Amino acid sequence: MAHLIEVVFKGHRQEFFLWEGEAPPALHAPVIVAVDRGEDLGHVRALGDLATLRAKGCTHGVGDGTPSQYARRTATSDDLRRYAELRVADEEVRRAAITMVREHKLDMKLTDAEWRWDRRKL
């Protein structure tokens, strides 16, 4: 039986996934999930009855339906190292982009940058 879990990502983005293991991962556990753009790493925010209740009542929920995306596995130590490296790279790129915005005198405010898990898109 698949378990419903809610996963939170960088920037407080949250989505619901199905976990197909015998027991769901622990609360706050890092997990690798399948998303429309490949894979991503997030942390379990809710599971079980709480996840079901939140799925019905929040804007990013699935209502009475079932999510179409699956959590693939718990994150390994290599995944966590890679995640930390990506977050450092996010900040480096954000600062470089802010410098370019200033140099070109663009009327905009850059607030965040985030590399995709596969580093193919920023």
PDB file of N, CA and C in Angstrom:
ATOM      1  N   MET A   1       0.836  -1.182   0.000  1.00  0.00           N
ATOM      2  CA  MET A   1       0.000   0.000   0.000  1.00  0.00           C
ATOM      3  C   MET A   1       0.885   1.251   0.000  1.00  0.00           C
ATOM      4  N   ALA A   2       0.545   2.208  -0.825  1.00  0.00           N
ATOM      5  CA  ALA A   2       1.316   3.454  -0.910  1.00  0.00           C
ATOM      6  C   ALA A   2       0.895   4.402   0.217  1.00  0.00           C
ATOM      7  N   HIS A   3       1.875   5.098   0.766  1.00  0.00           N
ATOM      8  CA  HIS A   3       1.644   6.074   1.828  1.00  0.00           C
ATOM      9  C   HIS A   3       1.707   7.476   1.237  1.00  0.00           C
ATOM     10  N   LEU A   4       0.852   8.358   1.700  1.00  0.00           N
ATOM     11  CA  LEU A   4       0.869   9.745   1.268  1.00  0.00           C
ATOM     12  C   LEU A   4       1.821  10.530   2.158  1.00  0.00           C
ATOM     13  N   ILE A   5       2.736  11.283   1.525  1.00  0.00           N
ATOM     14  CA  ILE A   5       3.646  12.140   2.289  1.00  0.00           C
ATOM     15  C   ILE A   5       3.652  13.533   1.671  1.00  0.00           C
ATOM     16  N   GLU A   6       3.869  14.538   2.495  1.00  0.00           N
ATOM     17  CA  GLU A   6       4.030  15.907   2.032  1.00  0.00           C
ATOM     18  C   GLU A   6       5.512  16.243   2.148  1.00  0.00           C
ATOM     19  N   VAL A   7       6.069  16.799   1.082  1.00  0.00           N
ATOM     20  CA  VAL A   7       7.496  17.114   1.038  1.00  0.00           C
ATOM     21  C   VAL A   7       7.663  18.606   0.818  1.00  0.00           C
ATOM     22  N   VAL A   8       8.588  19.210   1.573  1.00  0.00           N
ATOM     23  CA  VAL A   8       8.887  20.635   1.434  1.00  0.00           C
ATOM     24  C   VAL A   8      10.268  20.782   0.799  1.00  0.00           C
ATOM     25  N   PHE A   9      10.384  21.767  -0.098  1.00  0.00           N
ATOM     26  CA  PHE A   9      11.614  22.016  -0.832  1.00  0.00           C
ATOM     27  C   PHE A   9      12.135  23.409  -0.503  1.00  0.00           C
ATOM     28  N   LYS A  10      13.254  23.773  -1.110  1.00  0.00           N
ATOM     29  CA  LYS A  10      13.806  25.111  -0.935  1.00  0.00           C
ATOM     30  C   LYS A  10      12.755  26.143  -1.337  1.00  0.00           C
ATOM     31  N   GLY A  11      12.719  27.243  -0.621  1.00  0.00           N
ATOM     32  CA  GLY A  11      11.753  28.285  -0.927  1.00  0.00           C
ATOM     33  C   GLY A  11      10.361  27.976  -0.408  1.00  0.00           C
ATOM     34  N   HIS A  12      10.243  27.003   0.464  1.00  0.00           N
ATOM     35  CA  HIS A  12       8.976  26.609   1.078  1.00  0.00           C
ATOM     36  C   HIS A  12       7.968  26.047   0.083  1.00  0.00           C
ATOM     37  N   ARG A  13       8.427  25.605  -1.077  1.00  0.00           N
ATOM     38  CA  ARG A  13       7.551  24.927  -2.033  1.00  0.00           C
ATOM     39  C   ARG A  13       7.204  23.568  -1.442  1.00  0.00           C
ATOM     40  N   GLN A  14       5.942  23.182  -1.544  1.00  0.00           N
ATOM     41  CA  GLN A  14       5.484  21.929  -0.950  1.00  0.00           C
ATOM     42  C   GLN A  14       4.638  21.155  -1.952  1.00  0.00           C
ATOM     43  N   GLU A  15       4.781  19.850  -1.941  1.00  0.00           N
ATOM     44  CA  GLU A  15       3.985  18.992  -2.812  1.00  0.00           C
ATOM     45  C   GLU A  15       3.723  17.670  -2.101  1.00  0.00           C
ATOM     46  N   PHE A  16       2.727  16.948  -2.588  1.00  0.00           N
ATOM     47  CA  PHE A  16       2.379  15.641  -2.049  1.00  0.00           C
ATOM     48  C   PHE A  16       2.864  14.548  -2.990  1.00  0.00           C
ATOM     49  N   PHE A  17       3.340  13.442  -2.386  1.00  0.00           N
ATOM     50  CA  PHE A  17       3.882  12.320  -3.138  1.00  0.00           C
ATOM     51  C   PHE A  17       3.397  11.020  -2.520  1.00  0.00           C
ATOM     52  N   LEU A  18       3.494   9.957  -3.305  1.00  0.00           N
ATOM     53  CA  LEU A  18       3.211   8.624  -2.791  1.00  0.00           C
ATOM     54  C   LEU A  18       4.529   7.929  -2.479  1.00  0.00           C
ATOM     55  N   TRP A  19       4.570   7.222  -1.355  1.00  0.00           N
ATOM     56  CA  TRP A  19       5.732   6.433  -0.933  1.00  0.00           C
ATOM     57  C   TRP A  19       5.318   4.978  -0.989  1.00  0.00           C
ATOM     58  N   GLU A  20       6.036   4.173  -1.772  1.00  0.00           N
ATOM     59  CA  GLU A  20       5.620   2.788  -1.984  1.00  0.00           C
ATOM     60  C   GLU A  20       6.346   1.761  -1.115  1.00  0.00           C
ATOM     61  N   GLY A  21       7.068   2.200  -0.115  1.00  0.00           N
ATOM     62  CA  GLY A  21       7.723   1.256   0.784  1.00  0.00           C
ATOM     63  C   GLY A  21       6.756   0.712   1.816  1.00  0.00           C
ATOM     64  N   GLU A  22       7.206  -0.263   2.589  1.00  0.00           N
ATOM     65  CA  GLU A  22       6.367  -0.831   3.637  1.00  0.00           C
ATOM     66  C   GLU A  22       6.032   0.209   4.695  1.00  0.00           C
ATOM     67  N   ALA A  23       7.014   0.988   5.092  1.00  0.00           N
ATOM     68  CA  ALA A  23       6.801   2.044   6.081  1.00  0.00           C
ATOM     69  C   ALA A  23       7.264   3.362   5.476  1.00  0.00           C
ATOM     70  N   PRO A  24       6.536   4.441   5.746  1.00  0.00           N
ATOM     71  CA  PRO A  24       6.956   5.737   5.194  1.00  0.00           C
ATOM     72  C   PRO A  24       8.234   6.223   5.876  1.00  0.00           C
ATOM     73  N   PRO A  25       8.947   7.164   5.260  1.00  0.00           N
ATOM     74  CA  PRO A  25      10.156   7.706   5.896  1.00  0.00           C
ATOM     75  C   PRO A  25       9.784   8.499   7.137  1.00  0.00           C
ATOM     76  N   ALA A  26      10.760   8.767   7.966  1.00  0.00           N
ATOM     77  CA  ALA A  26      10.531   9.524   9.201  1.00  0.00           C
ATOM     78  C   ALA A  26      10.227  10.988   8.879  1.00  0.00           C
ATOM     79  N   LEU A  27       9.580  11.645   9.799  1.00  0.00           N
ATOM     80  CA  LEU A  27       9.297  13.069   9.672  1.00  0.00           C
ATOM     81  C   LEU A  27      10.623  13.824   9.564  1.00  0.00           C
ATOM     82  N   HIS A  28      10.714  14.787   8.661  1.00  0.00           N
ATOM     83  CA  HIS A  28      11.899  15.614   8.387  1.00  0.00           C
ATOM     84  C   HIS A  28      13.016  14.855   7.657  1.00  0.00           C
ATOM     85  N   ALA A  29      12.782  13.602   7.290  1.00  0.00           N
ATOM     86  CA  ALA A  29      13.803  12.830   6.575  1.00  0.00           C
ATOM     87  C   ALA A  29      13.992  13.397   5.169  1.00  0.00           C
ATOM     88  N   PRO A  30      15.236  13.462   4.692  1.00  0.00           N
ATOM     89  CA  PRO A  30      15.468  13.905   3.309  1.00  0.00           C
ATOM     90  C   PRO A  30      15.104  12.777   2.348  1.00  0.00           C
ATOM     91  N   VAL A  31      14.365  13.125   1.291  1.00  0.00           N
ATOM     92  CA  VAL A  31      13.942  12.133   0.312  1.00  0.00           C
ATOM     93  C   VAL A  31      14.179  12.651  -1.104  1.00  0.00           C
ATOM     94  N   ILE A  32      14.413  11.730  -2.010  1.00  0.00           N
ATOM     95  CA  ILE A  32      14.524  12.040  -3.438  1.00  0.00           C
ATOM     96  C   ILE A  32      13.168  11.706  -4.049  1.00  0.00           C
ATOM     97  N   VAL A  33      12.599  12.681  -4.770  1.00  0.00           N
ATOM     98  CA  VAL A  33      11.274  12.505  -5.361  1.00  0.00           C
ATOM     99  C   VAL A  33      11.342  12.693  -6.868  1.00  0.00           C
ATOM    100  N   ALA A  34      10.391  12.083  -7.566  1.00  0.00           N
ATOM    101  CA  ALA A  34      10.252  12.265  -9.008  1.00  0.00           C
ATOM    102  C   ALA A  34       9.325  13.449  -9.241  1.00  0.00           C
ATOM    103  N   VAL A  35       9.807  14.436  -9.984  1.00  0.00           N
ATOM    104  CA  VAL A  35       8.991  15.604 -10.319  1.00  0.00           C
ATOM    105  C   VAL A  35       8.963  15.769 -11.832  1.00  0.00           C
ATOM    106  N   ASP A  36       8.148  16.685 -12.306  1.00  0.00           N
ATOM    107  CA  ASP A  36       7.986  16.856 -13.747  1.00  0.00           C
ATOM    108  C   ASP A  36       9.286  17.186 -14.458  1.00  0.00           C
ATOM    109  N   ARG A  37      10.241  17.711 -13.751  1.00  0.00           N
ATOM    110  CA  ARG A  37      11.500  18.101 -14.387  1.00  0.00           C
ATOM    111  C   ARG A  37      12.648  17.147 -14.058  1.00  0.00           C
ATOM    112  N   GLY A  38      12.356  16.000 -13.509  1.00  0.00           N
ATOM    113  CA  GLY A  38      13.397  15.032 -13.169  1.00  0.00           C
ATOM    114  C   GLY A  38      13.298  14.585 -11.725  1.00  0.00           C
ATOM    115  N   GLU A  39      14.348  14.821 -10.964  1.00  0.00           N
ATOM    116  CA  GLU A  39      14.373  14.476  -9.545  1.00  0.00           C
ATOM    117  C   GLU A  39      14.668  15.718  -8.725  1.00  0.00           C
ATOM    118  N   ASP A  40      14.262  15.677  -7.466  1.00  0.00           N
ATOM    119  CA  ASP A  40      14.545  16.773  -6.552  1.00  0.00           C
ATOM    120  C   ASP A  40      14.696  16.201  -5.158  1.00  0.00           C
ATOM    121  N   LEU A  41      15.371  16.942  -4.285  1.00  0.00           N
ATOM    122  CA  LEU A  41      15.539  16.540  -2.896  1.00  0.00           C
ATOM    123  C   LEU A  41      14.708  17.465  -2.028  1.00  0.00           C
ATOM    124  N   GLY A  42      13.929  16.875  -1.148  1.00  0.00           N
ATOM    125  CA  GLY A  42      13.129  17.639  -0.198  1.00  0.00           C
ATOM    126  C   GLY A  42      13.095  16.913   1.128  1.00  0.00           C
ATOM    127  N   HIS A  43      12.371  17.478   2.075  1.00  0.00           N
ATOM    128  CA  HIS A  43      12.263  16.884   3.407  1.00  0.00           C
ATOM    129  C   HIS A  43      10.803  16.613   3.726  1.00  0.00           C
ATOM    130  N   VAL A  44      10.555  15.483   4.366  1.00  0.00           N
ATOM    131  CA  VAL A  44       9.194  15.087   4.709  1.00  0.00           C
ATOM    132  C   VAL A  44       8.631  16.066   5.729  1.00  0.00           C
ATOM    133  N   ARG A  45       7.508  16.664   5.404  1.00  0.00           N
ATOM    134  CA  ARG A  45       6.858  17.634   6.290  1.00  0.00           C
ATOM    135  C   ARG A  45       5.689  17.006   7.034  1.00  0.00           C
ATOM    136  N   ALA A  46       4.955  16.123   6.379  1.00  0.00           N
ATOM    137  CA  ALA A  46       3.812  15.463   7.015  1.00  0.00           C
ATOM    138  C   ALA A  46       3.634  14.094   6.383  1.00  0.00           C
ATOM    139  N   LEU A  47       3.079  13.170   7.153  1.00  0.00           N
ATOM    140  CA  LEU A  47       2.777  11.845   6.643  1.00  0.00           C
ATOM    141  C   LEU A  47       1.571  11.291   7.379  1.00  0.00           C
ATOM    142  N   GLY A  48       1.050  10.205   6.871  1.00  0.00           N
ATOM    143  CA  GLY A  48      -0.083   9.562   7.509  1.00  0.00           C
ATOM    144  C   GLY A  48      -1.344  10.414   7.490  1.00  0.00           C
ATOM    145  N   ASP A  49      -2.062  10.408   8.627  1.00  0.00           N
ATOM    146  CA  ASP A  49      -3.327  11.131   8.726  1.00  0.00           C
ATOM    147  C   ASP A  49      -3.153  12.637   8.540  1.00  0.00           C
ATOM    148  N   LEU A  50      -2.056  13.189   9.055  1.00  0.00           N
ATOM    149  CA  LEU A  50      -1.816  14.626   8.904  1.00  0.00           C
ATOM    150  C   LEU A  50      -1.611  14.984   7.435  1.00  0.00           C
ATOM    151  N   ALA A  51      -0.872  14.183   6.701  1.00  0.00           N
ATOM    152  CA  ALA A  51      -0.666  14.446   5.271  1.00  0.00           C
ATOM    153  C   ALA A  51      -1.993  14.354   4.521  1.00  0.00           C
ATOM    154  N   THR A  52      -2.815  13.388   4.857  1.00  0.00           N
ATOM    155  CA  THR A  52      -4.124  13.244   4.216  1.00  0.00           C
ATOM    156  C   THR A  52      -5.002  14.453   4.500  1.00  0.00           C
ATOM    157  N   LEU A  53      -5.015  14.911   5.747  1.00  0.00           N
ATOM    158  CA  LEU A  53      -5.795  16.082   6.121  1.00  0.00           C
ATOM    159  C   LEU A  53      -5.287  17.328   5.405  1.00  0.00           C
ATOM    160  N   ARG A  54      -3.974  17.511   5.356  1.00  0.00           N
ATOM    161  CA  ARG A  54      -3.400  18.685   4.686  1.00  0.00           C
ATOM    162  C   ARG A  54      -3.643  18.630   3.178  1.00  0.00           C
ATOM    163  N   ALA A  55      -3.610  17.447   2.588  1.00  0.00           N
ATOM    164  CA  ALA A  55      -3.834  17.316   1.142  1.00  0.00           C
ATOM    165  C   ALA A  55      -5.227  17.775   0.751  1.00  0.00           C
ATOM    166  N   LYS A  56      -6.183  17.602   1.644  1.00  0.00           N
ATOM    167  CA  LYS A  56      -7.556  18.013   1.351  1.00  0.00           C
ATOM    168  C   LYS A  56      -7.784  19.500   1.570  1.00  0.00           C
ATOM    169  N   GLY A  57      -7.019  20.116   2.486  1.00  0.00           N
ATOM    170  CA  GLY A  57      -7.344  21.471   2.884  1.00  0.00           C
ATOM    171  C   GLY A  57      -6.384  22.575   2.499  1.00  0.00           C
ATOM    172  N   CYS A  58      -5.315  22.281   1.773  1.00  0.00           N
ATOM    173  CA  CYS A  58      -4.374  23.349   1.425  1.00  0.00           C
ATOM    174  C   CYS A  58      -4.351  23.581  -0.089  1.00  0.00           C
ATOM    175  N   THR A  59      -3.841  24.722  -0.482  1.00  0.00           N
ATOM    176  CA  THR A  59      -3.874  25.104  -1.894  1.00  0.00           C
ATOM    177  C   THR A  59      -3.005  24.217  -2.774  1.00  0.00           C
ATOM    178  N   HIS A  60      -1.942  23.657  -2.240  1.00  0.00           N
ATOM    179  CA  HIS A  60      -1.084  22.788  -3.040  1.00  0.00           C
ATOM    180  C   HIS A  60      -1.475  21.317  -2.905  1.00  0.00           C
ATOM    181  N   GLY A  61      -2.597  21.059  -2.246  1.00  0.00           N
ATOM    182  CA  GLY A  61      -3.043  19.697  -2.003  1.00  0.00           C
ATOM    183  C   GLY A  61      -3.698  19.058  -3.214  1.00  0.00           C
ATOM    184  N   VAL A  62      -4.091  17.807  -3.059  1.00  0.00           N
ATOM    185  CA  VAL A  62      -4.708  17.048  -4.141  1.00  0.00           C
ATOM    186  C   VAL A  62      -6.182  16.797  -3.878  1.00  0.00           C
ATOM    187  N   GLY A  63      -6.736  17.422  -2.833  1.00  0.00           N
ATOM    188  CA  GLY A  63      -8.142  17.211  -2.499  1.00  0.00           C
ATOM    189  C   GLY A  63      -8.384  15.767  -2.111  1.00  0.00           C
ATOM    190  N   ASP A  64      -9.417  15.188  -2.682  1.00  0.00           N
ATOM    191  CA  ASP A  64      -9.721  13.780  -2.406  1.00  0.00           C
ATOM    192  C   ASP A  64      -8.999  12.846  -3.371  1.00  0.00           C
ATOM    193  N   GLY A  65      -8.242  13.419  -4.314  1.00  0.00           N
ATOM    194  CA  GLY A  65      -7.527  12.622  -5.303  1.00  0.00           C
ATOM    195  C   GLY A  65      -6.236  12.037  -4.758  1.00  0.00           C
ATOM    196  N   THR A  66      -5.495  11.421  -5.648  1.00  0.00           N
ATOM    197  CA  THR A  66      -4.220  10.808  -5.318  1.00  0.00           C
ATOM    198  C   THR A  66      -3.129  11.497  -6.126  1.00  0.00           C
ATOM    199  N   PRO A  67      -1.997  11.826  -5.503  1.00  0.00           N
ATOM    200  CA  PRO A  67      -0.923  12.454  -6.269  1.00  0.00           C
ATOM    201  C   PRO A  67      -0.413  11.519  -7.364  1.00  0.00           C
ATOM    202  N   SER A  68       0.054  12.103  -8.439  1.00  0.00           N
ATOM    203  CA  SER A  68       0.569  11.292  -9.540  1.00  0.00           C
ATOM    204  C   SER A  68       2.081  11.122  -9.462  1.00  0.00           C
ATOM    205  N   GLN A  69       2.716  11.798  -8.509  1.00  0.00           N
ATOM    206  CA  GLN A  69       4.170  11.736  -8.384  1.00  0.00           C
ATOM    207  C   GLN A  69       4.566  10.837  -7.211  1.00  0.00           C
ATOM    208  N   TYR A  70       5.757  10.239  -7.339  1.00  0.00           N
ATOM    209  CA  TYR A  70       6.229   9.305  -6.330  1.00  0.00           C
ATOM    210  C   TYR A  70       7.536   9.773  -5.699  1.00  0.00           C
ATOM    211  N   ALA A  71       7.676   9.467  -4.418  1.00  0.00           N
ATOM    212  CA  ALA A  71       8.959   9.625  -3.739  1.00  0.00           C
ATOM    213  C   ALA A  71       9.752   8.370  -4.082  1.00  0.00           C
ATOM    214  N   ARG A  72      10.975   8.550  -4.537  1.00  0.00           N
ATOM    215  CA  ARG A  72      11.749   7.403  -5.004  1.00  0.00           C
ATOM    216  C   ARG A  72      12.489   6.679  -3.895  1.00  0.00           C
ATOM    217  N   ARG A  73      13.147   7.470  -3.009  1.00  0.00           N
ATOM    218  CA  ARG A  73      13.968   6.831  -1.973  1.00  0.00           C
ATOM    219  C   ARG A  73      14.379   7.869  -0.946  1.00  0.00           C
ATOM    220  N   THR A  74      14.926   7.387   0.159  1.00  0.00           N
ATOM    221  CA  THR A  74      15.507   8.329   1.114  1.00  0.00           C
ATOM    222  C   THR A  74      16.853   8.783   0.557  1.00  0.00           C
ATOM    223  N   ALA A  75      17.244   9.978   0.905  1.00  0.00           N
ATOM    224  CA  ALA A  75      18.484  10.555   0.393  1.00  0.00           C
ATOM    225  C   ALA A  75      19.691   9.905   1.066  1.00  0.00           C
ATOM    226  N   THR A  76      20.735   9.725   0.293  1.00  0.00           N
ATOM    227  CA  THR A  76      21.988   9.177   0.813  1.00  0.00           C
ATOM    228  C   THR A  76      22.878  10.321   1.290  1.00  0.00           C
ATOM    229  N   SER A  77      23.991   9.977   1.908  1.00  0.00           N
ATOM    230  CA  SER A  77      24.932  11.011   2.331  1.00  0.00           C
ATOM    231  C   SER A  77      25.512  11.748   1.122  1.00  0.00           C
ATOM    232  N   ASP A  78      25.690  11.053   0.004  1.00  0.00           N
ATOM    233  CA  ASP A  78      26.152  11.711  -1.228  1.00  0.00           C
ATOM    234  C   ASP A  78      25.115  12.711  -1.741  1.00  0.00           C
ATOM    235  N   ASP A  79      23.832  12.338  -1.646  1.00  0.00           N
ATOM    236  CA  ASP A  79      22.758  13.252  -2.051  1.00  0.00           C
ATOM    237  C   ASP A  79      22.771  14.508  -1.189  1.00  0.00           C
ATOM    238  N   LEU A  80      22.968  14.339   0.103  1.00  0.00           N
ATOM    239  CA  LEU A  80      22.984  15.485   1.021  1.00  0.00           C
ATOM    240  C   LEU A  80      24.186  16.381   0.765  1.00  0.00           C
ATOM    241  N   ARG A  81      25.332  15.780   0.435  1.00  0.00           N
ATOM    242  CA  ARG A  81      26.515  16.566   0.084  1.00  0.00           C
ATOM    243  C   ARG A  81      26.254  17.364  -1.189  1.00  0.00           C
ATOM    244  N   ARG A  82      25.685  16.707  -2.165  1.00  0.00           N
ATOM    245  CA  ARG A  82      25.349  17.382  -3.431  1.00  0.00           C
ATOM    246  C   ARG A  82      24.351  18.509  -3.208  1.00  0.00           C
ATOM    247  N   TYR A  83      23.363  18.274  -2.355  1.00  0.00           N
ATOM    248  CA  TYR A  83      22.361  19.296  -2.025  1.00  0.00           C
ATOM    249  C   TYR A  83      23.038  20.526  -1.407  1.00  0.00           C
ATOM    250  N   ALA A  84      23.951  20.307  -0.477  1.00  0.00           N
ATOM    251  CA  ALA A  84      24.669  21.423   0.155  1.00  0.00           C
ATOM    252  C   ALA A  84      25.502  22.192  -0.876  1.00  0.00           C
ATOM    253  N   GLU A  85      26.139  21.459  -1.785  1.00  0.00           N
ATOM    254  CA  GLU A  85      26.920  22.116  -2.835  1.00  0.00           C
ATOM    255  C   GLU A  85      26.028  22.954  -3.753  1.00  0.00           C
ATOM    256  N   LEU A  86      24.850  22.444  -4.073  1.00  0.00           N
ATOM    257  CA  LEU A  86      23.918  23.188  -4.922  1.00  0.00           C
ATOM    258  C   LEU A  86      23.444  24.467  -4.243  1.00  0.00           C
ATOM    259  N   ARG A  87      23.196  24.401  -2.941  1.00  0.00           N
ATOM    260  CA  ARG A  87      22.724  25.597  -2.232  1.00  0.00           C
ATOM    261  C   ARG A  87      23.825  26.662  -2.192  1.00  0.00           C
ATOM    262  N   VAL A  88      25.087  26.252  -2.062  1.00  0.00           N
ATOM    263  CA  VAL A  88      26.204  27.203  -2.118  1.00  0.00           C
ATOM    264  C   VAL A  88      26.286  27.804  -3.520  1.00  0.00           C
ATOM    265  N   ALA A  89      26.146  26.964  -4.542  1.00  0.00           N
ATOM    266  CA  ALA A  89      26.175  27.451  -5.928  1.00  0.00           C
ATOM    267  C   ALA A  89      25.013  28.390  -6.206  1.00  0.00           C
ATOM    268  N   ASP A  90      23.844  28.125  -5.604  1.00  0.00           N
ATOM    269  CA  ASP A  90      22.689  29.022  -5.750  1.00  0.00           C
ATOM    270  C   ASP A  90      23.052  30.435  -5.314  1.00  0.00           C
ATOM    271  N   GLU A  91      23.689  30.528  -4.170  1.00  0.00           N
ATOM    272  CA  GLU A  91      24.037  31.844  -3.626  1.00  0.00           C
ATOM    273  C   GLU A  91      25.085  32.542  -4.487  1.00  0.00           C
ATOM    274  N   GLU A  92      26.057  31.786  -4.975  1.00  0.00           N
ATOM    275  CA  GLU A  92      27.082  32.375  -5.845  1.00  0.00           C
ATOM    276  C   GLU A  92      26.448  32.940  -7.120  1.00  0.00           C
ATOM    277  N   VAL A  93      25.565  32.184  -7.718  1.00  0.00           N
ATOM    278  CA  VAL A  93      24.908  32.625  -8.946  1.00  0.00           C
ATOM    279  C   VAL A  93      23.982  33.808  -8.664  1.00  0.00           C
ATOM    280  N   ARG A  94      23.296  33.784  -7.546  1.00  0.00           N
ATOM    281  CA  ARG A  94      22.409  34.899  -7.189  1.00  0.00           C
ATOM    282  C   ARG A  94      23.204  36.194  -7.068  1.00  0.00           C
ATOM    283  N   ARG A  95      24.343  36.131  -6.409  1.00  0.00           N
ATOM    284  CA  ARG A  95      25.180  37.329  -6.258  1.00  0.00           C
ATOM    285  C   ARG A  95      25.719  37.818  -7.602  1.00  0.00           C
ATOM    286  N   ALA A  96      26.125  36.905  -8.467  1.00  0.00           N
ATOM    287  CA  ALA A  96      26.606  37.289  -9.798  1.00  0.00           C
ATOM    288  C   ALA A  96      25.488  37.922 -10.612  1.00  0.00           C
ATOM    289  N   ALA A  97      24.294  37.382 -10.502  1.00  0.00           N
ATOM    290  CA  ALA A  97      23.150  37.937 -11.240  1.00  0.00           C
ATOM    291  C   ALA A  97      22.790  39.327 -10.727  1.00  0.00           C
ATOM    292  N   ILE A  98      22.862  39.530  -9.435  1.00  0.00           N
ATOM    293  CA  ILE A  98      22.594  40.865  -8.871  1.00  0.00           C
ATOM    294  C   ILE A  98      23.602  41.868  -9.411  1.00  0.00           C
ATOM    295  N   THR A  99      24.853  41.467  -9.508  1.00  0.00           N
ATOM    296  CA  THR A  99      25.884  42.347 -10.071  1.00  0.00           C
ATOM    297  C   THR A  99      25.555  42.707 -11.517  1.00  0.00           C
ATOM    298  N   MET A 100      25.106  41.730 -12.294  1.00  0.00           N
ATOM    299  CA  MET A 100      24.744  42.002 -13.689  1.00  0.00           C
ATOM    300  C   MET A 100      23.528  42.916 -13.791  1.00  0.00           C
ATOM    301  N   VAL A 101      22.564  42.735 -12.910  1.00  0.00           N
ATOM    302  CA  VAL A 101      21.386  43.603 -12.892  1.00  0.00           C
ATOM    303  C   VAL A 101      21.817  45.047 -12.642  1.00  0.00           C
ATOM    304  N   ARG A 102      22.723  45.240 -11.699  1.00  0.00           N
ATOM    305  CA  ARG A 102      23.212  46.591 -11.383  1.00  0.00           C
ATOM    306  C   ARG A 102      24.021  47.172 -12.543  1.00  0.00           C
ATOM    307  N   GLU A 103      24.904  46.362 -13.132  1.00  0.00           N
ATOM    308  CA  GLU A 103      25.732  46.843 -14.243  1.00  0.00           C
ATOM    309  C   GLU A 103      24.901  47.295 -15.432  1.00  0.00           C
ATOM    310  N   HIS A 104      23.820  46.603 -15.694  1.00  0.00           N
ATOM    311  CA  HIS A 104      22.968  46.930 -16.826  1.00  0.00           C
ATOM    312  C   HIS A 104      21.826  47.883 -16.459  1.00  0.00           C
ATOM    313  N   LYS A 105      21.839  48.327 -15.193  1.00  0.00           N
ATOM    314  CA  LYS A 105      20.844  49.278 -14.690  1.00  0.00           C
ATOM    315  C   LYS A 105      19.416  48.829 -14.996  1.00  0.00           C
ATOM    316  N   LEU A 106      19.159  47.566 -14.725  1.00  0.00           N
ATOM    317  CA  LEU A 106      17.828  47.007 -14.945  1.00  0.00           C
ATOM    318  C   LEU A 106      16.915  47.355 -13.785  1.00  0.00           C
ATOM    319  N   ASP A 107      15.678  47.632 -14.099  1.00  0.00           N
ATOM    320  CA  ASP A 107      14.693  47.984 -13.077  1.00  0.00           C
ATOM    321  C   ASP A 107      14.045  46.696 -12.567  1.00  0.00           C
ATOM    322  N   MET A 108      14.817  45.966 -11.770  1.00  0.00           N
ATOM    323  CA  MET A 108      14.318  44.705 -11.229  1.00  0.00           C
ATOM    324  C   MET A 108      15.050  44.369  -9.934  1.00  0.00           C
ATOM    325  N   LYS A 109      14.434  43.500  -9.161  1.00  0.00           N
ATOM    326  CA  LYS A 109      15.033  43.042  -7.914  1.00  0.00           C
ATOM    327  C   LYS A 109      15.104  41.519  -7.972  1.00  0.00           C
ATOM    328  N   LEU A 110      16.291  40.998  -7.905  1.00  0.00           N
ATOM    329  CA  LEU A 110      16.502  39.558  -7.922  1.00  0.00           C
ATOM    330  C   LEU A 110      16.492  39.061  -6.481  1.00  0.00           C
ATOM    331  N   THR A 111      15.616  38.119  -6.181  1.00  0.00           N
ATOM    332  CA  THR A 111      15.488  37.670  -4.799  1.00  0.00           C
ATOM    333  C   THR A 111      16.087  36.295  -4.529  1.00  0.00           C
ATOM    334  N   ASP A 112      16.113  35.430  -5.536  1.00  0.00           N
ATOM    335  CA  ASP A 112      16.582  34.076  -5.272  1.00  0.00           C
ATOM    336  C   ASP A 112      17.040  33.424  -6.568  1.00  0.00           C
ATOM    337  N   ALA A 113      17.838  32.403  -6.432  1.00  0.00           N
ATOM    338  CA  ALA A 113      18.273  31.571  -7.554  1.00  0.00           C
ATOM    339  C   ALA A 113      18.321  30.138  -7.055  1.00  0.00           C
ATOM    340  N   GLU A 114      17.938  29.211  -7.911  1.00  0.00           N
ATOM    341  CA  GLU A 114      17.954  27.806  -7.503  1.00  0.00           C
ATOM    342  C   GLU A 114      18.309  26.933  -8.695  1.00  0.00           C
ATOM    343  N   TRP A 115      19.377  26.159  -8.546  1.00  0.00           N
ATOM    344  CA  TRP A 115      19.740  25.181  -9.562  1.00  0.00           C
ATOM    345  C   TRP A 115      18.803  23.996  -9.480  1.00  0.00           C
ATOM    346  N   ARG A 116      18.446  23.443 -10.642  1.00  0.00           N
ATOM    347  CA  ARG A 116      17.721  22.173 -10.655  1.00  0.00           C
ATOM    348  C   ARG A 116      18.650  21.089 -10.142  1.00  0.00           C
ATOM    349  N   TRP A 117      18.085  20.020  -9.650  1.00  0.00           N
ATOM    350  CA  TRP A 117      18.855  18.915  -9.082  1.00  0.00           C
ATOM    351  C   TRP A 117      19.895  18.400 -10.080  1.00  0.00           C
ATOM    352  N   ASP A 118      19.583  18.387 -11.381  1.00  0.00           N
ATOM    353  CA  ASP A 118      20.513  17.905 -12.396  1.00  0.00           C
ATOM    354  C   ASP A 118      21.439  18.999 -12.934  1.00  0.00           C
ATOM    355  N   ARG A 119      21.308  20.222 -12.431  1.00  0.00           N
ATOM    356  CA  ARG A 119      22.111  21.385 -12.821  1.00  0.00           C
ATOM    357  C   ARG A 119      21.996  21.736 -14.302  1.00  0.00           C
ATOM    358  N   ARG A 120      20.906  21.379 -14.931  1.00  0.00           N
ATOM    359  CA  ARG A 120      20.693  21.719 -16.333  1.00  0.00           C
ATOM    360  C   ARG A 120      19.946  23.037 -16.487  1.00  0.00           C
ATOM    361  N   LYS A 121      19.346  23.498 -15.416  1.00  0.00           N
ATOM    362  CA  LYS A 121      18.558  24.719 -15.491  1.00  0.00           C
ATOM    363  C   LYS A 121      18.681  25.462 -14.173  1.00  0.00           C
ATOM    364  N   LEU A 122      18.753  26.799 -14.269  1.00  0.00           N
ATOM    365  CA  LEU A 122      18.856  27.640 -13.086  1.00  0.00           C
ATOM    366  C   LEU A 122      17.542  28.362 -12.881  1.00  0.00           C
TER     367      LEU A 122
END
